[in-house]
N, C-alpha and C. Protein backbone atom coordinates (compact mmCIF):
# COMPACT_ATOMS: atom_id res chain seq x y z
N GLN A 1 18.16 -8.57 0.09
CA GLN A 1 17.19 -8.22 -0.71
C GLN A 1 16.11 -8.12 0.03
N VAL A 2 14.64 -7.34 -0.53
CA VAL A 2 13.58 -7.45 0.08
C VAL A 2 12.46 -7.94 -0.74
N GLN A 3 11.56 -8.89 -0.36
CA GLN A 3 10.70 -9.28 -0.50
C GLN A 3 9.15 -8.83 -0.07
N LEU A 4 8.41 -8.62 -1.19
CA LEU A 4 7.32 -7.87 -0.61
C LEU A 4 5.86 -8.92 -1.03
N LEU A 5 4.88 -9.07 -0.51
CA LEU A 5 3.80 -9.86 -0.80
C LEU A 5 2.51 -9.07 -0.39
N GLU A 6 1.52 -8.51 -1.24
CA GLU A 6 0.60 -7.89 -1.11
C GLU A 6 -0.60 -8.88 -0.92
N SER A 7 -1.64 -8.69 0.09
CA SER A 7 -2.71 -9.58 0.25
C SER A 7 -3.85 -8.81 0.59
N GLY A 8 -5.38 -9.19 0.50
CA GLY A 8 -6.30 -8.45 0.93
C GLY A 8 -7.25 -7.65 0.10
N GLY A 9 -6.81 -7.88 -1.37
CA GLY A 9 -7.83 -7.17 -2.22
C GLY A 9 -8.92 -8.16 -2.53
N GLY A 10 -9.80 -7.73 -3.16
CA GLY A 10 -11.16 -8.51 -3.63
C GLY A 10 -12.17 -7.35 -4.20
N LEU A 11 -13.23 -7.87 -4.09
CA LEU A 11 -14.33 -7.16 -4.72
C LEU A 11 -15.40 -6.56 -3.32
N VAL A 12 -15.77 -5.45 -3.55
CA VAL A 12 -16.56 -4.64 -2.70
C VAL A 12 -17.29 -3.65 -3.09
N GLN A 13 -18.55 -3.46 -2.42
CA GLN A 13 -19.51 -2.46 -2.88
C GLN A 13 -19.07 -1.07 -2.41
N ALA A 14 -19.53 -0.12 -3.22
CA ALA A 14 -19.19 1.26 -2.74
C ALA A 14 -19.63 1.57 -1.57
N GLY A 15 -18.91 2.34 -0.65
CA GLY A 15 -19.37 2.66 0.69
C GLY A 15 -18.45 1.36 1.66
N GLY A 16 -18.05 0.39 1.03
CA GLY A 16 -17.70 -0.40 1.77
C GLY A 16 -16.11 -0.51 2.33
N SER A 17 -15.39 -1.52 2.81
CA SER A 17 -14.04 -1.15 3.31
C SER A 17 -13.25 -2.75 3.23
N LEU A 18 -12.07 -2.56 2.84
CA LEU A 18 -11.21 -3.53 2.79
C LEU A 18 -9.75 -2.99 3.29
N ARG A 19 -9.08 -3.90 3.95
CA ARG A 19 -7.81 -3.64 4.48
C ARG A 19 -6.70 -4.79 3.67
N LEU A 20 -5.74 -3.96 3.37
CA LEU A 20 -4.60 -4.61 2.52
C LEU A 20 -3.52 -4.87 3.22
N SER A 21 -2.70 -5.81 3.05
CA SER A 21 -1.53 -6.13 3.76
C SER A 21 -0.27 -6.18 2.96
N CYS A 22 0.90 -5.64 3.15
CA CYS A 22 2.20 -5.89 2.67
C CYS A 22 3.28 -6.56 3.59
N ALA A 23 3.40 -7.85 3.37
CA ALA A 23 4.44 -8.64 4.21
C ALA A 23 5.79 -8.49 3.36
N CYS A 24 6.94 -8.10 4.46
CA CYS A 24 7.98 -8.16 3.90
C CYS A 24 9.16 -9.02 4.68
N ALA A 25 9.69 -9.68 3.56
CA ALA A 25 10.59 -10.72 4.24
C ALA A 25 12.11 -10.47 3.63
N ALA A 26 13.12 -10.25 4.31
CA ALA A 26 14.42 -10.07 4.03
C ALA A 26 15.43 -10.78 5.07
N SER A 27 16.69 -10.71 4.63
CA SER A 27 17.64 -11.20 5.25
C SER A 27 18.65 -10.01 5.69
N ARG A 28 18.34 -9.27 6.81
CA ARG A 28 19.35 -8.24 7.50
C ARG A 28 19.36 -7.21 6.50
N ILE A 29 18.44 -6.84 5.97
CA ILE A 29 18.27 -5.57 5.15
C ILE A 29 16.88 -5.08 5.52
N ILE A 30 15.99 -5.73 6.10
CA ILE A 30 14.78 -4.82 6.55
C ILE A 30 15.01 -3.46 7.36
N ALA A 31 15.99 -3.70 8.06
CA ALA A 31 16.51 -2.22 9.04
C ALA A 31 16.80 -1.12 7.98
N SER A 32 17.22 -1.57 6.61
CA SER A 32 17.41 -0.38 5.71
C SER A 32 16.35 0.13 5.28
N ILE A 33 15.33 -0.27 5.41
CA ILE A 33 13.68 0.38 4.81
C ILE A 33 13.78 1.86 5.62
N ASN A 34 13.61 2.71 4.42
CA ASN A 34 13.51 4.07 5.12
C ASN A 34 11.90 4.35 4.86
N VAL A 35 11.27 4.02 3.82
CA VAL A 35 9.93 4.58 3.43
C VAL A 35 9.27 3.28 3.05
N MET A 36 7.96 3.34 3.25
CA MET A 36 7.09 1.88 2.52
C MET A 36 5.79 2.86 1.96
N SER A 37 5.51 2.35 1.01
CA SER A 37 4.37 3.21 0.20
C SER A 37 3.45 2.12 -0.51
N TRP A 38 2.30 2.89 -0.71
CA TRP A 38 1.38 1.96 -1.56
C TRP A 38 0.86 2.99 -2.77
N TYR A 39 0.82 2.03 -3.96
CA TYR A 39 0.69 2.57 -5.27
C TYR A 39 -0.72 1.95 -6.07
N ARG A 40 -1.22 2.54 -6.66
CA ARG A 40 -2.30 1.97 -7.41
C ARG A 40 -2.11 2.43 -8.96
N GLN A 41 -2.50 1.58 -9.56
CA GLN A 41 -2.73 1.77 -11.08
C GLN A 41 -4.07 1.13 -11.74
N ALA A 42 -5.02 1.99 -12.13
CA ALA A 42 -6.34 1.75 -12.79
C ALA A 42 -6.06 1.46 -14.10
N PRO A 43 -7.12 0.70 -14.95
CA PRO A 43 -6.92 0.31 -16.30
C PRO A 43 -6.86 1.45 -17.08
N GLY A 44 -5.76 1.67 -18.14
CA GLY A 44 -5.53 3.09 -18.98
C GLY A 44 -5.02 4.04 -18.13
N LYS A 45 -4.69 3.90 -16.96
CA LYS A 45 -4.17 5.01 -16.13
C LYS A 45 -2.65 4.92 -15.85
N GLU A 46 -2.02 5.88 -15.33
CA GLU A 46 -0.72 5.49 -14.97
C GLU A 46 -0.53 5.07 -13.57
N ARG A 47 0.67 4.94 -13.11
CA ARG A 47 0.56 4.43 -11.50
C ARG A 47 0.62 5.72 -10.38
N GLU A 48 -0.09 5.82 -9.67
CA GLU A 48 0.00 6.79 -8.76
C GLU A 48 0.26 6.34 -7.45
N LEU A 49 0.73 7.47 -6.57
CA LEU A 49 0.90 7.29 -5.08
C LEU A 49 -0.19 7.46 -4.26
N VAL A 50 -0.56 6.37 -3.60
CA VAL A 50 -1.55 6.24 -2.54
C VAL A 50 -1.20 7.04 -1.22
N ALA A 51 -0.29 6.38 -0.72
CA ALA A 51 -0.08 6.56 0.68
C ALA A 51 1.62 6.32 0.98
N ALA A 52 2.16 6.88 1.90
CA ALA A 52 3.54 6.66 2.44
C ALA A 52 3.69 6.50 3.97
N ILE A 53 4.26 5.75 4.46
CA ILE A 53 4.78 5.98 5.82
C ILE A 53 6.57 5.74 5.95
N THR A 54 7.05 6.51 6.75
CA THR A 54 8.52 6.65 7.15
C THR A 54 8.91 5.65 8.04
N ARG A 55 9.99 5.40 8.27
CA ARG A 55 10.24 4.65 9.28
C ARG A 55 10.22 5.27 10.76
N GLY A 56 10.08 6.49 10.82
CA GLY A 56 9.73 7.23 11.85
C GLY A 56 8.33 7.59 12.34
N GLY A 57 7.45 7.03 11.40
CA GLY A 57 5.90 7.20 11.61
C GLY A 57 5.21 8.10 11.02
N SER A 58 6.09 9.06 10.30
CA SER A 58 5.31 9.92 9.47
C SER A 58 4.70 9.52 8.18
N THR A 59 3.22 9.86 7.98
CA THR A 59 2.57 9.41 6.80
C THR A 59 2.23 10.66 6.06
N ASN A 60 1.76 10.11 4.64
CA ASN A 60 1.42 11.05 3.70
C ASN A 60 0.24 10.47 2.69
N TYR A 61 -0.55 11.19 2.33
CA TYR A 61 -1.60 10.90 1.54
C TYR A 61 -1.96 11.36 0.24
N ALA A 62 -2.40 10.73 -0.63
CA ALA A 62 -3.04 11.29 -1.70
C ALA A 62 -4.19 12.08 -1.34
N ASP A 63 -4.55 13.40 -2.20
CA ASP A 63 -5.54 14.13 -1.67
C ASP A 63 -6.87 13.39 -1.78
N SER A 64 -6.91 12.54 -2.76
CA SER A 64 -8.05 11.75 -3.26
C SER A 64 -8.78 10.68 -1.99
N VAL A 65 -7.79 10.38 -1.26
CA VAL A 65 -7.93 9.33 -0.22
C VAL A 65 -7.81 9.75 1.10
N LYS A 66 -7.72 11.01 1.36
CA LYS A 66 -7.14 11.77 2.64
C LYS A 66 -8.72 11.50 3.59
N GLY A 67 -8.69 10.96 4.87
CA GLY A 67 -9.94 10.88 5.28
C GLY A 67 -10.58 9.54 5.12
N ARG A 68 -10.16 8.93 4.14
CA ARG A 68 -10.84 7.42 3.87
C ARG A 68 -9.96 6.41 4.10
N PHE A 69 -8.65 6.61 3.82
CA PHE A 69 -7.47 5.56 4.07
C PHE A 69 -6.64 5.75 5.03
N THR A 70 -6.24 4.59 5.56
CA THR A 70 -5.05 4.87 6.68
C THR A 70 -3.89 3.77 6.44
N ILE A 71 -2.97 4.34 6.57
CA ILE A 71 -1.58 3.59 6.32
C ILE A 71 -1.14 3.09 7.52
N SER A 72 -0.32 2.09 7.88
CA SER A 72 0.30 1.79 9.14
C SER A 72 1.13 0.66 8.92
N MET A 73 1.96 0.57 10.10
CA MET A 73 3.11 -0.50 10.04
C MET A 73 3.12 -1.10 11.33
N ASP A 74 3.08 -2.46 11.12
CA ASP A 74 3.22 -3.34 12.31
C ASP A 74 4.77 -3.77 12.11
N ASN A 75 5.84 -3.20 13.07
CA ASN A 75 7.24 -3.51 13.26
C ASN A 75 7.53 -5.20 13.35
N ALA A 76 6.68 -5.18 14.35
CA ALA A 76 6.89 -6.80 14.96
C ALA A 76 6.47 -7.84 13.83
N LYS A 77 5.61 -7.69 13.04
CA LYS A 77 5.33 -8.70 12.11
C LYS A 77 5.89 -8.44 10.62
N ASN A 78 6.65 -7.16 10.54
CA ASN A 78 7.13 -6.59 9.28
C ASN A 78 6.13 -6.82 8.15
N THR A 79 4.92 -6.19 8.61
CA THR A 79 3.91 -6.01 7.57
C THR A 79 3.37 -4.36 7.67
N MET A 80 3.16 -4.16 6.61
CA MET A 80 2.30 -2.56 6.28
C MET A 80 0.78 -2.92 5.98
N TYR A 81 -0.02 -1.99 6.61
CA TYR A 81 -1.03 -2.25 6.13
C TYR A 81 -1.88 -0.80 5.40
N LEU A 82 -3.10 -0.99 4.76
CA LEU A 82 -3.63 0.01 4.07
C LEU A 82 -5.23 -0.18 4.34
N GLU A 83 -5.67 0.67 5.39
CA GLU A 83 -6.97 0.48 6.08
C GLU A 83 -8.21 1.20 4.91
N MET A 84 -8.94 0.78 4.15
CA MET A 84 -9.36 1.59 3.10
C MET A 84 -11.00 1.66 3.55
N ASN A 85 -11.55 2.76 3.55
CA ASN A 85 -13.08 2.87 4.12
C ASN A 85 -13.82 3.89 3.01
N SER A 86 -14.86 3.76 2.96
CA SER A 86 -15.91 4.42 2.04
C SER A 86 -15.25 4.66 0.87
N LEU A 87 -14.95 3.12 0.37
CA LEU A 87 -14.55 3.17 -0.77
C LEU A 87 -15.82 3.44 -2.05
N LYS A 88 -14.78 3.96 -3.25
CA LYS A 88 -15.67 4.34 -4.34
C LYS A 88 -15.21 3.68 -5.59
N PRO A 89 -15.85 3.67 -6.55
CA PRO A 89 -15.64 3.00 -7.97
C PRO A 89 -14.49 3.21 -8.39
N GLU A 90 -14.06 4.81 -8.29
CA GLU A 90 -12.82 5.11 -8.88
C GLU A 90 -11.69 4.77 -8.00
N ASP A 91 -12.17 4.28 -7.14
CA ASP A 91 -10.60 3.42 -6.17
C ASP A 91 -10.30 2.17 -6.74
N THR A 92 -11.07 1.57 -7.82
CA THR A 92 -10.76 0.36 -8.27
C THR A 92 -9.39 0.62 -8.98
N ALA A 93 -8.57 -0.26 -8.56
CA ALA A 93 -7.33 -0.58 -9.21
C ALA A 93 -6.35 -1.70 -8.69
N VAL A 94 -5.21 -1.84 -9.46
CA VAL A 94 -4.24 -2.87 -8.74
C VAL A 94 -3.37 -1.99 -7.81
N TYR A 95 -3.33 -2.47 -6.72
CA TYR A 95 -2.86 -1.85 -5.40
C TYR A 95 -1.34 -2.71 -5.23
N SER A 96 -0.15 -1.62 -5.29
CA SER A 96 1.23 -2.41 -5.21
C SER A 96 1.88 -1.88 -4.14
N CYS A 97 2.71 -2.64 -3.40
CA CYS A 97 3.46 -2.14 -2.33
C CYS A 97 4.98 -1.82 -2.63
N LYS A 98 5.58 -0.87 -2.31
CA LYS A 98 7.00 -0.33 -2.55
C LYS A 98 7.39 -0.18 -1.25
N ALA A 99 8.82 -0.65 -1.29
CA ALA A 99 9.76 -0.46 -0.26
C ALA A 99 10.99 0.22 -0.66
N THR A 100 11.42 1.60 0.07
CA THR A 100 12.49 2.45 -0.51
C THR A 100 13.65 2.25 0.59
N LEU A 101 14.96 1.74 0.28
CA LEU A 101 15.95 1.86 1.46
C LEU A 101 16.46 3.17 1.42
N PHE A 102 17.38 3.23 2.74
CA PHE A 102 17.81 4.56 3.00
C PHE A 102 18.59 5.23 1.89
N PHE A 103 19.31 4.35 1.05
CA PHE A 103 20.07 4.82 -0.18
C PHE A 103 19.41 4.88 -1.41
N GLY A 104 18.11 4.61 -1.27
CA GLY A 104 17.24 4.82 -2.55
C GLY A 104 16.75 3.96 -3.31
N ARG A 105 17.44 2.69 -3.27
CA ARG A 105 16.99 1.68 -3.96
C ARG A 105 15.45 0.87 -3.57
N ASP A 106 14.68 0.87 -4.61
CA ASP A 106 13.17 0.71 -4.42
C ASP A 106 13.01 -1.06 -4.78
N TYR A 107 11.97 -1.73 -4.16
CA TYR A 107 11.52 -2.72 -4.27
C TYR A 107 9.91 -2.95 -4.18
N TRP A 108 9.30 -3.74 -5.37
CA TRP A 108 8.13 -3.65 -5.51
C TRP A 108 7.52 -4.84 -5.18
N GLY A 109 6.21 -5.11 -4.61
CA GLY A 109 5.23 -6.26 -4.67
C GLY A 109 4.59 -6.57 -6.04
N GLN A 110 3.96 -7.69 -6.22
CA GLN A 110 3.45 -8.05 -7.39
C GLN A 110 2.03 -7.33 -7.50
N GLY A 111 1.39 -6.87 -6.36
CA GLY A 111 0.25 -6.20 -6.67
C GLY A 111 -0.82 -7.23 -6.35
N THR A 112 -1.86 -6.29 -5.67
CA THR A 112 -3.37 -7.00 -5.59
C THR A 112 -4.51 -6.19 -6.02
N GLN A 113 -5.39 -7.07 -6.64
CA GLN A 113 -6.40 -6.14 -7.47
C GLN A 113 -7.65 -5.84 -6.31
N VAL A 114 -8.18 -4.52 -6.36
CA VAL A 114 -9.18 -3.97 -5.54
C VAL A 114 -10.16 -3.73 -6.63
N THR A 115 -11.55 -4.07 -6.58
CA THR A 115 -12.43 -3.75 -7.23
C THR A 115 -13.65 -3.25 -6.58
N VAL A 116 -14.35 -1.93 -6.86
CA VAL A 116 -15.32 -1.36 -5.91
C VAL A 116 -16.49 -1.20 -6.75
N SER A 117 -17.75 -1.76 -6.72
CA SER A 117 -18.98 -1.96 -7.63
C SER A 117 -19.66 -0.79 -7.04
N SER A 118 -20.52 -0.24 -7.99
CA SER A 118 -21.53 0.91 -7.58
C SER A 118 -22.72 0.28 -7.74
C-alpha cells in the first residue's frame, strides 16, 4: 500500500509563495510508483491536474501554472514538492497528491488547503 500525506498549505497574499509537500510511506511498493501528481479542486469546480512528474524526472504542468509552479521529487526522502510562486486568488483550492503505480493503480492523499487573498 501507498500512504500519502500533504502539508504546507495555508493563507498567503496574492503574489506570495508557498511550498507544498507530499510524503510517501509504503512497504516495498514505493519502487512501483511511476508518476506522482498534484491536483486541485476549488469550491464549486471539478478537480483538475496541476502538475505531474515521472520516475524518470519528466514534468508536465497545466497552462495556468506554467512559469509559476515547480514540481520536484526528493527520492532520498520519498517526498514530492510543489513550489508555488506569484500566487493568484484563482489558485485557491484544496491541493491533493496522487501516486500512480506502473500498473495503473492510483493512491490519493487527504488534501491541503491553499487560500490566496487579494
